[in-house]
Amino acid sequence: MKSFAKLLLIGTVAVMAIAVSAAPSEAAKKKRMPKEACSDAALCSANCNSATCQVNFCGYDHKWYPSLITPFCVTGNCPPKC
């Protein structure tokens, strides 16, 4: 039983060492990645004139697309500009 406990302790220490060494490399990958154009489920307004603006939404690929449900908004009640 004592040998099993020692083996378990050694395994735990090894897993922790691997996790601690992998954390800095993950942070470096995030720094190198370009910033996303938009975040999921975000809305913005574009092509505004004196009365209305076109509403865009953020797609799963982090690109802006025209909104299909509410394609226009009245100026003053619109989401932030793109």
N, C-alpha and C. Protein backbone atom coordinates (compact mmCIF):
# COMPACT_ATOMS: atom_id res chain seq x y z
N MET A 1 0.81 -1.19 0.00
CA MET A 1 0.00 0.00 0.00
C MET A 1 0.86 1.26 0.00
N LYS A 2 1.98 1.21 0.74
CA LYS A 2 2.85 2.38 0.78
C LYS A 2 3.49 2.63 -0.57
N SER A 3 3.82 1.58 -1.29
CA SER A 3 4.43 1.77 -2.61
C SER A 3 3.42 2.38 -3.59
N PHE A 4 2.14 2.02 -3.46
CA PHE A 4 1.11 2.60 -4.31
C PHE A 4 0.95 4.09 -4.00
N ALA A 5 1.00 4.47 -2.76
CA ALA A 5 0.89 5.87 -2.36
C ALA A 5 2.08 6.66 -2.88
N LYS A 6 3.27 6.08 -2.84
CA LYS A 6 4.46 6.76 -3.36
C LYS A 6 4.34 6.95 -4.87
N LEU A 7 3.87 5.91 -5.55
CA LEU A 7 3.69 6.00 -7.00
C LEU A 7 2.67 7.08 -7.36
N LEU A 8 1.60 7.14 -6.61
CA LEU A 8 0.58 8.16 -6.83
C LEU A 8 1.13 9.56 -6.59
N LEU A 9 1.94 9.72 -5.57
CA LEU A 9 2.56 11.01 -5.27
C LEU A 9 3.51 11.43 -6.37
N ILE A 10 4.31 10.50 -6.86
CA ILE A 10 5.26 10.80 -7.95
C ILE A 10 4.50 11.19 -9.21
N GLY A 11 3.42 10.47 -9.49
CA GLY A 11 2.60 10.80 -10.67
C GLY A 11 1.98 12.18 -10.56
N THR A 12 1.50 12.53 -9.38
CA THR A 12 0.90 13.84 -9.15
C THR A 12 1.93 14.95 -9.34
N VAL A 13 3.11 14.75 -8.80
CA VAL A 13 4.18 15.75 -8.95
C VAL A 13 4.56 15.90 -10.41
N ALA A 14 4.62 14.80 -11.15
CA ALA A 14 4.98 14.87 -12.57
C ALA A 14 3.92 15.63 -13.37
N VAL A 15 2.65 15.37 -13.09
CA VAL A 15 1.57 16.08 -13.80
C VAL A 15 1.61 17.57 -13.47
N MET A 16 1.85 17.93 -12.23
CA MET A 16 1.94 19.34 -11.86
C MET A 16 3.11 20.02 -12.55
N ALA A 17 4.24 19.34 -12.66
CA ALA A 17 5.40 19.92 -13.32
C ALA A 17 5.11 20.17 -14.80
N ILE A 18 4.44 19.26 -15.43
CA ILE A 18 4.09 19.44 -16.85
C ILE A 18 3.11 20.60 -17.00
N ALA A 19 2.12 20.69 -16.12
CA ALA A 19 1.13 21.76 -16.21
C ALA A 19 1.77 23.13 -16.00
N VAL A 20 2.67 23.23 -15.05
CA VAL A 20 3.33 24.51 -14.77
C VAL A 20 4.24 24.91 -15.93
N SER A 21 4.89 23.96 -16.57
CA SER A 21 5.77 24.30 -17.69
C SER A 21 4.98 24.64 -18.95
N ALA A 22 3.76 24.14 -19.08
CA ALA A 22 2.95 24.42 -20.27
C ALA A 22 2.24 25.77 -20.18
N ALA A 23 2.00 26.28 -19.01
CA ALA A 23 1.26 27.53 -18.83
C ALA A 23 1.93 28.72 -19.52
N PRO A 24 3.25 28.94 -19.37
CA PRO A 24 3.86 30.09 -20.05
C PRO A 24 3.78 29.99 -21.58
N SER A 25 3.86 28.79 -22.14
CA SER A 25 3.79 28.67 -23.59
C SER A 25 2.39 28.99 -24.10
N GLU A 26 1.35 28.65 -23.33
CA GLU A 26 -0.02 29.01 -23.73
C GLU A 26 -0.21 30.52 -23.70
N ALA A 27 0.37 31.19 -22.72
CA ALA A 27 0.27 32.64 -22.64
C ALA A 27 0.98 33.29 -23.82
N ALA A 28 2.09 32.75 -24.23
CA ALA A 28 2.83 33.29 -25.37
C ALA A 28 2.03 33.12 -26.66
N LYS A 29 1.33 32.01 -26.81
CA LYS A 29 0.50 31.81 -28.00
C LYS A 29 -0.62 32.84 -28.07
N LYS A 30 -1.23 33.14 -26.93
CA LYS A 30 -2.30 34.12 -26.91
C LYS A 30 -1.80 35.51 -27.27
N LYS A 31 -0.57 35.84 -26.87
CA LYS A 31 -0.01 37.15 -27.21
C LYS A 31 0.23 37.28 -28.70
N ARG A 32 0.65 36.18 -29.33
CA ARG A 32 0.97 36.22 -30.75
C ARG A 32 -0.27 36.25 -31.64
N MET A 33 -1.40 35.76 -31.13
CA MET A 33 -2.61 35.71 -31.93
C MET A 33 -3.13 37.13 -32.19
N PRO A 34 -3.58 37.40 -33.41
CA PRO A 34 -4.13 38.74 -33.68
C PRO A 34 -5.44 38.93 -32.93
N LYS A 35 -5.74 40.17 -32.63
CA LYS A 35 -6.98 40.45 -31.93
C LYS A 35 -8.15 40.18 -32.86
N GLU A 36 -9.24 39.73 -32.27
CA GLU A 36 -10.43 39.40 -33.05
C GLU A 36 -11.12 40.68 -33.49
N ALA A 37 -11.76 40.60 -34.65
CA ALA A 37 -12.48 41.75 -35.16
C ALA A 37 -13.71 42.05 -34.31
N CYS A 38 -14.31 41.01 -33.77
CA CYS A 38 -15.49 41.19 -32.93
C CYS A 38 -15.62 40.00 -32.00
N SER A 39 -16.47 40.14 -31.00
CA SER A 39 -16.70 39.04 -30.07
C SER A 39 -18.05 38.40 -30.39
N ASP A 40 -18.25 37.18 -29.93
CA ASP A 40 -19.47 36.44 -30.24
C ASP A 40 -20.72 37.19 -29.81
N ALA A 41 -21.72 37.13 -30.65
CA ALA A 41 -23.05 37.70 -30.40
C ALA A 41 -23.04 39.21 -30.18
N ALA A 42 -22.07 39.91 -30.73
CA ALA A 42 -22.02 41.36 -30.60
C ALA A 42 -22.80 42.01 -31.75
N LEU A 43 -23.30 43.20 -31.52
CA LEU A 43 -24.00 43.98 -32.53
C LEU A 43 -23.29 45.31 -32.70
N CYS A 44 -23.36 45.86 -33.91
CA CYS A 44 -22.84 47.20 -34.15
C CYS A 44 -23.63 47.84 -35.27
N SER A 45 -23.53 49.15 -35.39
CA SER A 45 -24.25 49.87 -36.44
C SER A 45 -23.25 50.47 -37.42
N ALA A 46 -23.65 50.51 -38.69
CA ALA A 46 -22.80 51.05 -39.75
C ALA A 46 -23.68 51.72 -40.80
N ASN A 47 -23.06 52.44 -41.70
CA ASN A 47 -23.76 53.11 -42.80
C ASN A 47 -24.92 53.96 -42.30
N CYS A 48 -24.65 54.80 -41.31
CA CYS A 48 -25.70 55.63 -40.72
C CYS A 48 -25.98 56.85 -41.60
N ASN A 49 -27.24 57.20 -41.70
CA ASN A 49 -27.63 58.47 -42.32
C ASN A 49 -28.40 59.25 -41.27
N SER A 50 -29.18 60.23 -41.65
CA SER A 50 -29.83 61.08 -40.67
C SER A 50 -30.93 60.38 -39.88
N ALA A 51 -31.51 59.29 -40.41
CA ALA A 51 -32.63 58.64 -39.73
C ALA A 51 -32.35 57.21 -39.27
N THR A 52 -31.58 56.45 -40.04
CA THR A 52 -31.40 55.03 -39.72
C THR A 52 -29.94 54.61 -39.85
N CYS A 53 -29.64 53.43 -39.30
CA CYS A 53 -28.33 52.80 -39.44
C CYS A 53 -28.55 51.33 -39.79
N GLN A 54 -27.59 50.75 -40.48
CA GLN A 54 -27.62 49.32 -40.75
C GLN A 54 -27.02 48.59 -39.55
N VAL A 55 -27.66 47.51 -39.10
CA VAL A 55 -27.19 46.75 -37.95
C VAL A 55 -26.42 45.53 -38.44
N ASN A 56 -25.25 45.30 -37.85
CA ASN A 56 -24.42 44.13 -38.16
C ASN A 56 -24.27 43.29 -36.91
N PHE A 57 -24.04 41.97 -37.10
CA PHE A 57 -23.78 41.09 -35.98
C PHE A 57 -22.49 40.34 -36.21
N CYS A 58 -21.91 39.85 -35.14
CA CYS A 58 -20.64 39.14 -35.21
C CYS A 58 -20.91 37.65 -35.44
N GLY A 59 -20.33 37.11 -36.52
CA GLY A 59 -20.49 35.70 -36.82
C GLY A 59 -19.52 34.84 -36.03
N TYR A 60 -19.67 33.51 -36.18
CA TYR A 60 -18.80 32.59 -35.45
C TYR A 60 -17.35 32.66 -35.90
N ASP A 61 -17.11 33.20 -37.10
CA ASP A 61 -15.74 33.35 -37.58
C ASP A 61 -15.16 34.72 -37.23
N HIS A 62 -15.85 35.46 -36.35
CA HIS A 62 -15.43 36.78 -35.85
C HIS A 62 -15.32 37.82 -36.97
N LYS A 63 -16.28 37.78 -37.88
CA LYS A 63 -16.42 38.79 -38.92
C LYS A 63 -17.81 39.39 -38.82
N TRP A 64 -17.93 40.64 -39.27
CA TRP A 64 -19.22 41.33 -39.21
C TRP A 64 -20.08 40.94 -40.41
N TYR A 65 -21.38 40.67 -40.15
CA TYR A 65 -22.34 40.35 -41.20
C TYR A 65 -23.59 41.18 -40.99
N PRO A 66 -24.32 41.52 -42.07
CA PRO A 66 -25.57 42.27 -41.91
C PRO A 66 -26.58 41.45 -41.11
N SER A 67 -27.27 42.08 -40.20
CA SER A 67 -28.27 41.41 -39.38
C SER A 67 -29.49 41.08 -40.22
N LEU A 68 -30.04 39.90 -40.05
CA LEU A 68 -31.20 39.48 -40.83
C LEU A 68 -32.51 39.75 -40.10
N ILE A 69 -32.51 39.70 -38.78
CA ILE A 69 -33.75 39.88 -38.02
C ILE A 69 -34.08 41.36 -37.89
N THR A 70 -33.11 42.17 -37.50
CA THR A 70 -33.32 43.62 -37.38
C THR A 70 -32.26 44.31 -38.24
N PRO A 71 -32.50 44.43 -39.55
CA PRO A 71 -31.46 44.97 -40.43
C PRO A 71 -31.20 46.47 -40.25
N PHE A 72 -32.16 47.22 -39.68
CA PHE A 72 -31.98 48.66 -39.51
C PHE A 72 -32.42 49.07 -38.12
N CYS A 73 -31.86 50.19 -37.65
CA CYS A 73 -32.28 50.77 -36.38
C CYS A 73 -32.46 52.26 -36.58
N VAL A 74 -33.27 52.86 -35.71
CA VAL A 74 -33.51 54.30 -35.75
C VAL A 74 -32.35 54.98 -35.05
N THR A 75 -31.81 56.02 -35.66
CA THR A 75 -30.67 56.74 -35.09
C THR A 75 -31.01 57.19 -33.67
N GLY A 76 -30.13 56.93 -32.75
CA GLY A 76 -30.35 57.25 -31.34
C GLY A 76 -30.64 56.00 -30.53
N ASN A 77 -31.15 54.95 -31.15
CA ASN A 77 -31.44 53.68 -30.46
C ASN A 77 -30.63 52.54 -31.06
N CYS A 78 -29.46 52.86 -31.58
CA CYS A 78 -28.65 51.86 -32.27
C CYS A 78 -27.52 51.34 -31.36
N PRO A 79 -27.00 50.15 -31.69
CA PRO A 79 -25.82 49.67 -30.97
C PRO A 79 -24.61 50.55 -31.32
N PRO A 80 -23.49 50.38 -30.63
CA PRO A 80 -22.30 51.20 -30.93
C PRO A 80 -21.83 51.03 -32.38
N LYS A 81 -21.14 52.03 -32.89
CA LYS A 81 -20.64 51.97 -34.26
C LYS A 81 -19.53 50.94 -34.39
N CYS A 82 -19.43 50.37 -35.58
CA CYS A 82 -18.41 49.34 -35.85
C CYS A 82 -17.03 49.97 -35.88
